[in-house]
């Protein structure tokens, strides 16, 4: 029991926020809102791995995402000033995140950090493009939209429970071209505030995490399309236990995503086009040592259901971080 308690305490201290995990890793494929998707990929932030570092450190994280989804031929979606039906898309993205918790960024109960993520994206898209509904396909790879998080704050209510907040900015650094089905960027800025409530039992190894966020989008200057505001809730329930000299975890993760204001601008020819999405799936994690360095890895799969005005499919996330 003492060994488990010590391992859990170490794991809790290693928690680090990269709200950018899959956030900008899914580019402008057709899913609602313009391109059928917002900057935030539902399910990206949902567990202890997405917390704020409590002690002075520099943490590097590798984020890998694969998404495969499609929309029925009865659903038309605006993509880069085209209207497309029966859209299918597969995207693979790799993002490198860096977080810094400075020596002056905390006093025990409070902790401050900042982070950034640079994604590289491979994407294949196909669909029937209006007005003649001719089937077209498109592929592209390149830099995605960079995510900057200058404000990450954590408050420890007690050893088992903390509340953290963060403010993210999605910069339009990815490639974007009007009329092209596949784009690695969305061509507009997004501001995203998030608050998280994280319980991690130091004695029992149980985790219950809940992340609540909202995305406020700017207008795409090339299409004069402004995607509406989206809100999302992501959560994880998991059990952690000693294994192979480290600490393993297994549980379930889920999300709820809703667009609460309609799309606008002269380019929003389909009207409000509000989106809705839900997803659920398993998650596993492991924390241990690589030499003298602390390492944490997480793998999860999410299946979407109850989708409206978006692609519907499956997302696989892999995250691995190392503390320096």
C-alpha atoms as a PDB file:
ATOM      1  CA  UNK A   1       0.000   0.000   0.000  1.00  0.00           C
ATOM      2  CA  UNK A   2       2.843   2.424   0.818  1.00  0.00           C
ATOM      3  CA  UNK A   3       4.470   1.672  -2.535  1.00  0.00           C
ATOM      4  CA  UNK A   4       1.210   2.272  -4.364  1.00  0.00           C
ATOM      5  CA  UNK A   5       0.620   5.520  -2.475  1.00  0.00           C
ATOM      6  CA  UNK A   6       4.120   6.769  -3.358  1.00  0.00           C
ATOM      7  CA  UNK A   7       3.697   5.827  -7.007  1.00  0.00           C
ATOM      8  CA  UNK A   8       0.353   7.597  -7.179  1.00  0.00           C
ATOM      9  CA  UNK A   9       1.826  10.727  -5.640  1.00  0.00           C
ATOM     10  CA  UNK A  10       4.630  10.757  -8.237  1.00  0.00           C
ATOM     11  CA  UNK A  11       2.141  10.222 -11.049  1.00  0.00           C
ATOM     12  CA  UNK A  12      -0.027  13.073  -9.782  1.00  0.00           C
ATOM     13  CA  UNK A  13       2.956  15.456  -9.673  1.00  0.00           C
ATOM     14  CA  UNK A  14       3.889  14.506 -13.242  1.00  0.00           C
ATOM     15  CA  UNK A  15       0.523  15.515 -14.667  1.00  0.00           C
ATOM     16  CA  UNK A  16       1.085  18.141 -17.367  1.00  0.00           C
ATOM     17  CA  UNK A  17      -1.315  20.168 -19.468  1.00  0.00           C
ATOM     18  CA  UNK A  18      -1.132  19.854 -23.191  1.00  0.00           C
ATOM     19  CA  UNK A  19      -4.644  20.852 -24.049  1.00  0.00           C
ATOM     20  CA  UNK A  20      -3.258  20.935 -27.520  1.00  0.00           C
ATOM     21  CA  UNK A  21      -3.080  17.201 -27.733  1.00  0.00           C
ATOM     22  CA  UNK A  22      -5.308  16.659 -30.676  1.00  0.00           C
ATOM     23  CA  UNK A  23      -6.731  20.049 -30.731  1.00  0.00           C
ATOM     24  CA  UNK A  24      -5.247  21.387 -33.913  1.00  0.00           C
ATOM     25  CA  UNK A  25      -4.108  18.010 -35.129  1.00  0.00           C
ATOM     26  CA  UNK A  26      -7.289  17.391 -37.127  1.00  0.00           C
ATOM     27  CA  UNK A  27      -7.153  19.961 -39.912  1.00  0.00           C
ATOM     28  CA  UNK A  28      -9.858  21.449 -42.097  1.00  0.00           C
ATOM     29  CA  UNK A  29     -11.561  18.278 -43.197  1.00  0.00           C
ATOM     30  CA  UNK A  30     -15.283  18.432 -43.624  1.00  0.00           C
ATOM     31  CA  UNK A  31     -16.912  17.684 -40.360  1.00  0.00           C
ATOM     32  CA  UNK A  32     -19.906  21.263 -39.024  1.00  0.00           C
ATOM     33  CA  UNK A  33     -19.000  24.754 -38.696  1.00  0.00           C
ATOM     34  CA  UNK A  34     -16.931  25.676 -41.757  1.00  0.00           C
ATOM     35  CA  UNK A  35     -15.252  22.553 -43.025  1.00  0.00           C
ATOM     36  CA  UNK A  36     -17.499  20.626 -40.664  1.00  0.00           C
ATOM     37  CA  UNK A  37     -15.110  21.024 -37.700  1.00  0.00           C
ATOM     38  CA  UNK A  38     -13.762  23.444 -35.175  1.00  0.00           C
ATOM     39  CA  UNK A  39     -10.151  23.705 -34.049  1.00  0.00           C
ATOM     40  CA  UNK A  40     -10.871  21.544 -31.015  1.00  0.00           C
ATOM     41  CA  UNK A  41     -11.035  17.802 -31.635  1.00  0.00           C
ATOM     42  CA  UNK A  42     -13.537  16.334 -29.126  1.00  0.00           C
ATOM     43  CA  UNK A  43     -11.879  14.023 -26.630  1.00  0.00           C
ATOM     44  CA  UNK A  44      -8.488  15.747 -26.775  1.00  0.00           C
ATOM     45  CA  UNK A  45      -8.412  16.825 -23.105  1.00  0.00           C
ATOM     46  CA  UNK A  46      -9.914  14.363 -20.654  1.00  0.00           C
ATOM     47  CA  UNK A  47      -7.478  12.803 -18.134  1.00  0.00           C
ATOM     48  CA  UNK A  48      -4.662  13.324 -15.616  1.00  0.00           C
ATOM     49  CA  UNK A  49      -2.192  13.433 -18.528  1.00  0.00           C
ATOM     50  CA  UNK A  50      -3.732  16.780 -19.473  1.00  0.00           C
ATOM     51  CA  UNK A  51      -3.131  18.439 -16.101  1.00  0.00           C
ATOM     52  CA  UNK A  52      -0.796  21.313 -15.156  1.00  0.00           C
ATOM     53  CA  UNK A  53       2.757  20.528 -13.899  1.00  0.00           C
ATOM     54  CA  UNK A  54       3.047  21.179 -10.176  1.00  0.00           C
ATOM     55  CA  UNK A  55       6.840  21.508  -9.890  1.00  0.00           C
ATOM     56  CA  UNK A  56       9.589  23.314 -11.810  1.00  0.00           C
ATOM     57  CA  UNK A  57      10.158  21.401 -15.065  1.00  0.00           C
ATOM     58  CA  UNK A  58      10.367  21.343 -18.844  1.00  0.00           C
ATOM     59  CA  UNK A  59       8.235  18.617 -20.387  1.00  0.00           C
ATOM     60  CA  UNK A  60       8.243  17.370 -23.960  1.00  0.00           C
ATOM     61  CA  UNK A  61       5.288  15.467 -25.304  1.00  0.00           C
ATOM     62  CA  UNK A  62       4.644  13.522 -28.494  1.00  0.00           C
ATOM     63  CA  UNK A  63       0.996  13.532 -29.650  1.00  0.00           C
ATOM     64  CA  UNK A  64      -0.140  11.144 -32.377  1.00  0.00           C
ATOM     65  CA  UNK A  65      -3.691  11.137 -33.753  1.00  0.00           C
ATOM     66  CA  UNK A  66      -5.509   9.133 -36.397  1.00  0.00           C
ATOM     67  CA  UNK A  67      -9.061  10.038 -37.381  1.00  0.00           C
ATOM     68  CA  UNK A  68     -11.248   8.223 -39.928  1.00  0.00           C
ATOM     69  CA  UNK A  69     -14.805   9.404 -40.585  1.00  0.00           C
ATOM     70  CA  UNK A  70     -17.497  10.022 -43.153  1.00  0.00           C
ATOM     71  CA  UNK A  71     -20.832  11.753 -43.696  1.00  0.00           C
ATOM     72  CA  UNK A  72     -23.825  10.343 -45.550  1.00  0.00           C
ATOM     73  CA  UNK A  73     -24.668  11.554 -49.056  1.00  0.00           C
ATOM     74  CA  UNK A  74     -27.742  13.281 -47.620  1.00  0.00           C
ATOM     75  CA  UNK A  75     -25.513  15.633 -45.586  1.00  0.00           C
ATOM     76  CA  UNK A  76     -23.964  18.609 -47.392  1.00  0.00           C
ATOM     77  CA  UNK A  77     -21.016  20.344 -45.757  1.00  0.00           C
ATOM     78  CA  UNK A  78     -19.304  23.668 -46.623  1.00  0.00           C
ATOM     79  CA  UNK A  79     -15.612  23.150 -47.393  1.00  0.00           C
ATOM     80  CA  UNK A  80     -13.409  26.091 -48.471  1.00  0.00           C
ATOM     81  CA  UNK A  81     -16.278  27.793 -50.357  1.00  0.00           C
ATOM     82  CA  UNK A  82     -17.525  24.551 -51.922  1.00  0.00           C
ATOM     83  CA  UNK A  83     -20.526  22.441 -50.894  1.00  0.00           C
ATOM     84  CA  UNK A  84     -19.791  18.732 -50.650  1.00  0.00           C
ATOM     85  CA  UNK A  85     -21.896  15.621 -49.976  1.00  0.00           C
ATOM     86  CA  UNK A  86     -20.876  12.108 -48.923  1.00  0.00           C
ATOM     87  CA  UNK A  87     -17.596  13.357 -47.519  1.00  0.00           C
ATOM     88  CA  UNK A  88     -14.940  10.919 -46.308  1.00  0.00           C
ATOM     89  CA  UNK A  89     -11.702  11.854 -44.595  1.00  0.00           C
ATOM     90  CA  UNK A  90      -8.726  10.210 -42.970  1.00  0.00           C
ATOM     91  CA  UNK A  91      -6.157  12.259 -41.112  1.00  0.00           C
ATOM     92  CA  UNK A  92      -2.960  11.335 -39.315  1.00  0.00           C
ATOM     93  CA  UNK A  93      -1.132  13.984 -37.329  1.00  0.00           C
ATOM     94  CA  UNK A  94       1.970  14.189 -35.163  1.00  0.00           C
ATOM     95  CA  UNK A  95       2.355  17.083 -32.749  1.00  0.00           C
ATOM     96  CA  UNK A  96       5.349  18.043 -30.606  1.00  0.00           C
ATOM     97  CA  UNK A  97       4.396  19.876 -27.413  1.00  0.00           C
ATOM     98  CA  UNK A  98       6.654  21.694 -24.967  1.00  0.00           C
ATOM     99  CA  UNK A  99       5.521  22.885 -21.527  1.00  0.00           C
ATOM    100  CA  UNK A 100       7.513  25.005 -19.094  1.00  0.00           C
ATOM    101  CA  UNK A 101       6.758  25.371 -15.423  1.00  0.00           C
ATOM    102  CA  UNK A 102       9.232  28.074 -14.261  1.00  0.00           C
ATOM    103  CA  UNK A 103      10.828  28.187 -10.817  1.00  0.00           C
ATOM    104  CA  UNK A 104       8.770  31.291 -10.000  1.00  0.00           C
ATOM    105  CA  UNK A 105       5.520  29.705 -11.205  1.00  0.00           C
ATOM    106  CA  UNK A 106       4.026  28.551  -7.925  1.00  0.00           C
ATOM    107  CA  UNK A 107       3.948  28.534  -4.152  1.00  0.00           C
ATOM    108  CA  UNK A 108       2.826  25.003  -3.275  1.00  0.00           C
ATOM    109  CA  UNK A 109      -0.927  25.258  -3.680  1.00  0.00           C
ATOM    110  CA  UNK A 110      -0.721  27.305  -6.896  1.00  0.00           C
ATOM    111  CA  UNK A 111       1.166  26.457 -10.073  1.00  0.00           C
ATOM    112  CA  UNK A 112       1.683  28.387 -13.333  1.00  0.00           C
ATOM    113  CA  UNK A 113       2.963  27.021 -16.648  1.00  0.00           C
ATOM    114  CA  UNK A 114       2.838  27.683 -20.393  1.00  0.00           C
ATOM    115  CA  UNK A 115       2.940  25.449 -23.473  1.00  0.00           C
ATOM    116  CA  UNK A 116       2.990  25.310 -27.262  1.00  0.00           C
ATOM    117  CA  UNK A 117       2.319  22.586 -29.827  1.00  0.00           C
ATOM    118  CA  UNK A 118       3.499  22.339 -33.434  1.00  0.00           C
ATOM    119  CA  UNK A 119       1.551  19.756 -35.502  1.00  0.00           C
ATOM    120  CA  UNK A 120       2.363  18.081 -38.835  1.00  0.00           C
ATOM    121  CA  UNK A 121      -0.602  16.640 -40.714  1.00  0.00           C
ATOM    122  CA  UNK A 122      -1.322  14.090 -43.463  1.00  0.00           C
ATOM    123  CA  UNK A 123      -4.887  14.175 -44.803  1.00  0.00           C
ATOM    124  CA  UNK A 124      -6.969  12.451 -47.519  1.00  0.00           C
ATOM    125  CA  UNK A 125     -10.461  13.755 -48.362  1.00  0.00           C
ATOM    126  CA  UNK A 126     -13.051  12.744 -50.961  1.00  0.00           C
ATOM    127  CA  UNK A 127     -16.666  13.662 -51.728  1.00  0.00           C
ATOM    128  CA  UNK A 128     -19.248  14.793 -54.307  1.00  0.00           C
ATOM    129  CA  UNK A 129     -18.700  18.490 -55.016  1.00  0.00           C
ATOM    130  CA  UNK A 130     -21.511  20.883 -56.079  1.00  0.00           C
ATOM    131  CA  UNK A 131     -22.960  22.055 -58.379  1.00  0.00           C
ATOM    132  CA  UNK A 132     -22.555  18.967 -60.590  1.00  0.00           C
ATOM    133  CA  UNK A 133     -21.883  16.649 -57.620  1.00  0.00           C
ATOM    134  CA  UNK A 134     -18.783  15.259 -59.310  1.00  0.00           C
ATOM    135  CA  UNK A 135     -16.747  12.942 -57.085  1.00  0.00           C
ATOM    136  CA  UNK A 136     -13.383  14.427 -56.216  1.00  0.00           C
ATOM    137  CA  UNK A 137     -10.513  13.482 -53.930  1.00  0.00           C
ATOM    138  CA  UNK A 138      -7.657  15.480 -52.479  1.00  0.00           C
ATOM    139  CA  UNK A 139      -4.555  14.786 -50.360  1.00  0.00           C
ATOM    140  CA  UNK A 140      -2.175  17.099 -48.569  1.00  0.00           C
ATOM    141  CA  UNK A 141       0.522  17.059 -45.900  1.00  0.00           C
ATOM    142  CA  UNK A 142       2.245  19.863 -44.074  1.00  0.00           C
ATOM    143  CA  UNK A 143       2.323  22.112 -41.022  1.00  0.00           C
ATOM    144  CA  UNK A 144      -0.967  22.404 -39.141  1.00  0.00           C
ATOM    145  CA  UNK A 145      -2.283  25.251 -36.983  1.00  0.00           C
ATOM    146  CA  UNK A 146       0.079  25.949 -34.068  1.00  0.00           C
ATOM    147  CA  UNK A 147      -1.456  26.055 -30.582  1.00  0.00           C
ATOM    148  CA  UNK A 148      -0.185  28.516 -27.957  1.00  0.00           C
ATOM    149  CA  UNK A 149      -1.154  28.329 -24.286  1.00  0.00           C
ATOM    150  CA  UNK A 150       0.449  31.205 -22.403  1.00  0.00           C
ATOM    151  CA  UNK A 151      -1.678  30.735 -19.274  1.00  0.00           C
ATOM    152  CA  UNK A 152      -1.973  27.404 -17.415  1.00  0.00           C
ATOM    153  CA  UNK A 153      -3.010  27.684 -13.774  1.00  0.00           C
ATOM    154  CA  UNK A 154      -3.539  24.946 -11.190  1.00  0.00           C
ATOM    155  CA  UNK A 155      -4.892  25.102  -7.651  1.00  0.00           C
ATOM    156  CA  UNK A 156      -4.562  22.144  -5.279  1.00  0.00           C
ATOM    157  CA  UNK A 157      -7.687  21.954  -3.156  1.00  0.00           C
ATOM    158  CA  UNK A 158      -6.190  18.932  -1.349  1.00  0.00           C
ATOM    159  CA  UNK A 159      -3.723  16.132  -2.201  1.00  0.00           C
ATOM    160  CA  UNK A 160      -6.429  14.236  -4.122  1.00  0.00           C
ATOM    161  CA  UNK A 161      -8.239  17.060  -5.901  1.00  0.00           C
ATOM    162  CA  UNK A 162      -7.229  20.058  -7.988  1.00  0.00           C
ATOM    163  CA  UNK A 163      -8.833  22.652 -10.235  1.00  0.00           C
ATOM    164  CA  UNK A 164      -6.944  23.976 -13.240  1.00  0.00           C
ATOM    165  CA  UNK A 165      -7.655  26.525 -15.948  1.00  0.00           C
ATOM    166  CA  UNK A 166      -5.964  27.387 -19.205  1.00  0.00           C
ATOM    167  CA  UNK A 167      -6.290  29.787 -22.122  1.00  0.00           C
ATOM    168  CA  UNK A 168      -5.421  28.592 -25.614  1.00  0.00           C
ATOM    169  CA  UNK A 169      -4.916  30.363 -28.947  1.00  0.00           C
ATOM    170  CA  UNK A 170      -5.044  28.520 -32.288  1.00  0.00           C
ATOM    171  CA  UNK A 171      -2.985  30.348 -34.922  1.00  0.00           C
ATOM    172  CA  UNK A 172      -3.747  29.979 -38.674  1.00  0.00           C
ATOM    173  CA  UNK A 173      -0.310  28.655 -39.631  1.00  0.00           C
ATOM    174  CA  UNK A 174      -1.450  25.625 -41.641  1.00  0.00           C
ATOM    175  CA  UNK A 175      -1.862  25.563 -45.413  1.00  0.00           C
ATOM    176  CA  UNK A 176      -5.267  26.730 -46.687  1.00  0.00           C
ATOM    177  CA  UNK A 177      -6.616  27.275 -50.193  1.00  0.00           C
ATOM    178  CA  UNK A 178     -10.144  28.181 -51.290  1.00  0.00           C
ATOM    179  CA  UNK A 179     -11.757  25.371 -53.298  1.00  0.00           C
ATOM    180  CA  UNK A 180      -9.386  22.679 -52.019  1.00  0.00           C
ATOM    181  CA  UNK A 181     -10.978  19.775 -50.128  1.00  0.00           C
ATOM    182  CA  UNK A 182      -7.893  18.965 -48.039  1.00  0.00           C
ATOM    183  CA  UNK A 183      -6.281  21.736 -45.991  1.00  0.00           C
ATOM    184  CA  UNK A 184      -3.854  21.384 -43.092  1.00  0.00           C
ATOM    185  CA  UNK A 185      -5.090  24.611 -41.464  1.00  0.00           C
ATOM    186  CA  UNK A 186      -8.416  26.365 -40.892  1.00  0.00           C
ATOM    187  CA  UNK A 187      -7.351  29.912 -41.853  1.00  0.00           C
ATOM    188  CA  UNK A 188      -8.765  31.645 -38.762  1.00  0.00           C
ATOM    189  CA  UNK A 189      -7.910  32.240 -35.107  1.00  0.00           C
ATOM    190  CA  UNK A 190      -9.697  30.527 -32.219  1.00  0.00           C
ATOM    191  CA  UNK A 191      -9.608  31.463 -28.522  1.00  0.00           C
ATOM    192  CA  UNK A 192     -10.320  28.642 -26.086  1.00  0.00           C
ATOM    193  CA  UNK A 193     -10.725  28.981 -22.295  1.00  0.00           C
ATOM    194  CA  UNK A 194     -10.991  25.713 -20.341  1.00  0.00           C
ATOM    195  CA  UNK A 195     -11.501  24.695 -16.715  1.00  0.00           C
ATOM    196  CA  UNK A 196     -10.811  21.198 -15.361  1.00  0.00           C
ATOM    197  CA  UNK A 197     -11.714  19.338 -12.168  1.00  0.00           C
ATOM    198  CA  UNK A 198      -9.394  16.418 -11.429  1.00  0.00           C
ATOM    199  CA  UNK A 199      -9.718  13.842  -8.654  1.00  0.00           C
ATOM    200  CA  UNK A 200      -6.826  11.379  -8.313  1.00  0.00           C
ATOM    201  CA  UNK A 201      -6.976   9.251  -5.155  1.00  0.00           C
ATOM    202  CA  UNK A 202      -3.507   8.908  -3.651  1.00  0.00           C
ATOM    203  CA  UNK A 203      -4.617   5.859  -1.612  1.00  0.00           C
ATOM    204  CA  UNK A 204      -7.147   4.136  -3.857  1.00  0.00           C
ATOM    205  CA  UNK A 205      -5.718   4.948  -7.324  1.00  0.00           C
ATOM    206  CA  UNK A 206      -9.070   6.096  -8.683  1.00  0.00           C
ATOM    207  CA  UNK A 207      -9.294   8.927 -11.204  1.00  0.00           C
ATOM    208  CA  UNK A 208     -12.278  11.090 -12.129  1.00  0.00           C
ATOM    209  CA  UNK A 209     -11.456  13.992 -14.461  1.00  0.00           C
ATOM    210  CA  UNK A 210     -13.784  16.508 -16.124  1.00  0.00           C
ATOM    211  CA  UNK A 211     -12.728  19.223 -18.603  1.00  0.00           C
ATOM    212  CA  UNK A 212     -15.142  22.001 -19.678  1.00  0.00           C
ATOM    213  CA  UNK A 213     -14.223  24.327 -22.551  1.00  0.00           C
ATOM    214  CA  UNK A 214     -15.541  26.757 -25.150  1.00  0.00           C
ATOM    215  CA  UNK A 215     -14.187  27.839 -28.545  1.00  0.00           C
ATOM    216  CA  UNK A 216     -14.657  31.379 -29.880  1.00  0.00           C
ATOM    217  CA  UNK A 217     -13.788  31.561 -33.586  1.00  0.00           C
ATOM    218  CA  UNK A 218     -12.765  34.474 -35.780  1.00  0.00           C
ATOM    219  CA  UNK A 219     -13.954  34.873 -39.373  1.00  0.00           C
ATOM    220  CA  UNK A 220     -12.103  33.157 -42.222  1.00  0.00           C
ATOM    221  CA  UNK A 221     -10.967  36.182 -44.297  1.00  0.00           C
ATOM    222  CA  UNK A 222     -10.804  34.194 -47.544  1.00  0.00           C
ATOM    223  CA  UNK A 223     -14.345  32.764 -47.390  1.00  0.00           C
ATOM    224  CA  UNK A 224     -16.070  35.371 -45.138  1.00  0.00           C
ATOM    225  CA  UNK A 225     -17.347  32.458 -43.030  1.00  0.00           C
ATOM    226  CA  UNK A 226     -17.459  32.705 -39.242  1.00  0.00           C
ATOM    227  CA  UNK A 227     -18.022  29.432 -37.410  1.00  0.00           C
ATOM    228  CA  UNK A 228     -20.247  29.614 -34.345  1.00  0.00           C
ATOM    229  CA  UNK A 229     -19.139  29.071 -30.748  1.00  0.00           C
ATOM    230  CA  UNK A 230     -18.716  25.472 -29.574  1.00  0.00           C
ATOM    231  CA  UNK A 231     -18.791  24.121 -26.017  1.00  0.00           C
ATOM    232  CA  UNK A 232     -17.462  20.725 -24.963  1.00  0.00           C
ATOM    233  CA  UNK A 233     -17.147  18.457 -21.938  1.00  0.00           C
ATOM    234  CA  UNK A 234     -14.577  15.649 -21.800  1.00  0.00           C
ATOM    235  CA  UNK A 235     -14.090  13.186 -18.968  1.00  0.00           C
ATOM    236  CA  UNK A 236     -12.325  10.049 -17.791  1.00  0.00           C
ATOM    237  CA  UNK A 237     -13.000   7.435 -15.120  1.00  0.00           C
ATOM    238  CA  UNK A 238     -10.031   5.138 -14.499  1.00  0.00           C
ATOM    239  CA  UNK A 239      -8.338   2.854 -11.985  1.00  0.00           C
ATOM    240  CA  UNK A 240      -4.551   3.042 -11.527  1.00  0.00           C
ATOM    241  CA  UNK A 241      -2.412   0.255 -10.017  1.00  0.00           C
ATOM    242  CA  UNK A 242       1.274  -0.761  -9.645  1.00  0.00           C
ATOM    243  CA  UNK A 243       2.654  -2.773 -12.588  1.00  0.00           C
ATOM    244  CA  UNK A 244       6.183  -3.678 -13.799  1.00  0.00           C
ATOM    245  CA  UNK A 245       7.831  -1.230 -11.438  1.00  0.00           C
ATOM    246  CA  UNK A 246       5.606   1.621 -12.602  1.00  0.00           C
ATOM    247  CA  UNK A 247       1.949   2.545 -12.499  1.00  0.00           C
ATOM    248  CA  UNK A 248      -0.681   1.419 -15.018  1.00  0.00           C
ATOM    249  CA  UNK A 249      -4.203   2.703 -15.553  1.00  0.00           C
ATOM    250  CA  UNK A 250      -7.325   1.519 -17.358  1.00  0.00           C
ATOM    251  CA  UNK A 251     -10.745   3.084 -17.730  1.00  0.00           C
ATOM    252  CA  UNK A 252     -13.298   4.760 -19.940  1.00  0.00           C
ATOM    253  CA  UNK A 253     -13.287   8.192 -21.568  1.00  0.00           C
ATOM    254  CA  UNK A 254     -16.125  10.144 -23.177  1.00  0.00           C
ATOM    255  CA  UNK A 255     -17.060  13.556 -24.558  1.00  0.00           C
ATOM    256  CA  UNK A 256     -20.033  15.798 -25.379  1.00  0.00           C
ATOM    257  CA  UNK A 257     -19.692  18.553 -28.000  1.00  0.00           C
ATOM    258  CA  UNK A 258     -22.308  21.132 -29.032  1.00  0.00           C
ATOM    259  CA  UNK A 259     -22.269  24.233 -31.223  1.00  0.00           C
ATOM    260  CA  UNK A 260     -24.321  26.836 -29.350  1.00  0.00           C
ATOM    261  CA  UNK A 261     -24.349  29.757 -31.806  1.00  0.00           C
ATOM    262  CA  UNK A 262     -24.942  29.567 -35.535  1.00  0.00           C
ATOM    263  CA  UNK A 263     -22.441  30.136 -38.325  1.00  0.00           C
ATOM    264  CA  UNK A 264     -22.510  33.621 -39.866  1.00  0.00           C
ATOM    265  CA  UNK A 265     -20.974  35.792 -42.577  1.00  0.00           C
ATOM    266  CA  UNK A 266     -21.652  36.062 -46.297  1.00  0.00           C
ATOM    267  CA  UNK A 267     -19.947  32.697 -46.884  1.00  0.00           C
ATOM    268  CA  UNK A 268     -22.310  30.790 -44.550  1.00  0.00           C
ATOM    269  CA  UNK A 269     -24.710  29.829 -47.363  1.00  0.00           C
ATOM    270  CA  UNK A 270     -26.136  26.828 -45.490  1.00  0.00           C
ATOM    271  CA  UNK A 271     -27.361  28.954 -42.574  1.00  0.00           C
ATOM    272  CA  UNK A 272     -26.665  28.270 -38.892  1.00  0.00           C
ATOM    273  CA  UNK A 273     -25.349  24.754 -39.599  1.00  0.00           C
ATOM    274  CA  UNK A 274     -24.944  23.922 -35.899  1.00  0.00           C
ATOM    275  CA  UNK A 275     -22.923  20.832 -34.997  1.00  0.00           C
ATOM    276  CA  UNK A 276     -23.373  18.129 -32.378  1.00  0.00           C
ATOM    277  CA  UNK A 277     -21.157  15.183 -31.436  1.00  0.00           C
ATOM    278  CA  UNK A 278     -20.733  12.534 -28.733  1.00  0.00           C
ATOM    279  CA  UNK A 279     -18.096   9.858 -28.230  1.00  0.00           C
ATOM    280  CA  UNK A 280     -16.984   7.114 -25.861  1.00  0.00           C
ATOM    281  CA  UNK A 281     -14.213   4.538 -25.642  1.00  0.00           C
ATOM    282  CA  UNK A 282     -11.481   2.847 -23.561  1.00  0.00           C
ATOM    283  CA  UNK A 283      -8.259   4.419 -22.295  1.00  0.00           C
ATOM    284  CA  UNK A 284      -5.048   2.850 -20.898  1.00  0.00           C
ATOM    285  CA  UNK A 285      -1.940   4.512 -19.483  1.00  0.00           C
ATOM    286  CA  UNK A 286       1.447   3.691 -17.975  1.00  0.00           C
ATOM    287  CA  UNK A 287       3.917   5.761 -15.940  1.00  0.00           C
ATOM    288  CA  UNK A 288       7.495   4.666 -15.319  1.00  0.00           C
ATOM    289  CA  UNK A 289      11.164   5.498 -15.820  1.00  0.00           C
ATOM    290  CA  UNK A 290      13.405   5.730 -18.869  1.00  0.00           C
ATOM    291  CA  UNK A 291      16.833   5.914 -17.300  1.00  0.00           C
ATOM    292  CA  UNK A 292      16.567   8.767 -14.822  1.00  0.00           C
ATOM    293  CA  UNK A 293      13.673  10.430 -16.646  1.00  0.00           C
ATOM    294  CA  UNK A 294       9.999  10.159 -15.729  1.00  0.00           C
ATOM    295  CA  UNK A 295       7.840   9.007 -18.641  1.00  0.00           C
ATOM    296  CA  UNK A 296       4.047   8.728 -19.067  1.00  0.00           C
ATOM    297  CA  UNK A 297       2.175   7.221 -22.020  1.00  0.00           C
ATOM    298  CA  UNK A 298      -1.555   7.109 -22.801  1.00  0.00           C
ATOM    299  CA  UNK A 299      -3.534   5.363 -25.540  1.00  0.00           C
ATOM    300  CA  UNK A 300      -7.262   5.827 -26.151  1.00  0.00           C
ATOM    301  CA  UNK A 301      -9.896   5.124 -28.781  1.00  0.00           C
ATOM    302  CA  UNK A 302     -13.115   7.112 -29.174  1.00  0.00           C
ATOM    303  CA  UNK A 303     -16.141   6.103 -31.241  1.00  0.00           C
ATOM    304  CA  UNK A 304     -18.534   8.910 -32.253  1.00  0.00           C
ATOM    305  CA  UNK A 305     -22.329   8.653 -32.137  1.00  0.00           C
ATOM    306  CA  UNK A 306     -25.341  11.002 -32.226  1.00  0.00           C
ATOM    307  CA  UNK A 307     -23.483  13.196 -34.721  1.00  0.00           C
ATOM    308  CA  UNK A 308     -25.074  16.135 -36.562  1.00  0.00           C
ATOM    309  CA  UNK A 309     -23.461  18.205 -39.354  1.00  0.00           C
ATOM    310  CA  UNK A 310     -20.076  16.560 -38.861  1.00  0.00           C
ATOM    311  CA  UNK A 311     -18.235  13.501 -40.033  1.00  0.00           C
ATOM    312  CA  UNK A 312     -18.883  10.452 -37.867  1.00  0.00           C
ATOM    313  CA  UNK A 313     -16.099   7.974 -37.200  1.00  0.00           C
ATOM    314  CA  UNK A 314     -13.311   6.921 -34.863  1.00  0.00           C
ATOM    315  CA  UNK A 315     -10.317   8.692 -33.345  1.00  0.00           C
ATOM    316  CA  UNK A 316      -7.221   7.070 -31.834  1.00  0.00           C
ATOM    317  CA  UNK A 317      -4.952   9.181 -29.607  1.00  0.00           C
ATOM    318  CA  UNK A 318      -1.457   8.292 -28.400  1.00  0.00           C
ATOM    319  CA  UNK A 319       0.405  10.605 -26.023  1.00  0.00           C
ATOM    320  CA  UNK A 320       3.867  10.185 -24.510  1.00  0.00           C
ATOM    321  CA  UNK A 321       5.625  12.738 -22.331  1.00  0.00           C
ATOM    322  CA  UNK A 322       9.035  12.989 -20.700  1.00  0.00           C
ATOM    323  CA  UNK A 323      10.030  15.325 -17.887  1.00  0.00           C
ATOM    324  CA  UNK A 324      13.356  17.187 -17.790  1.00  0.00           C
END
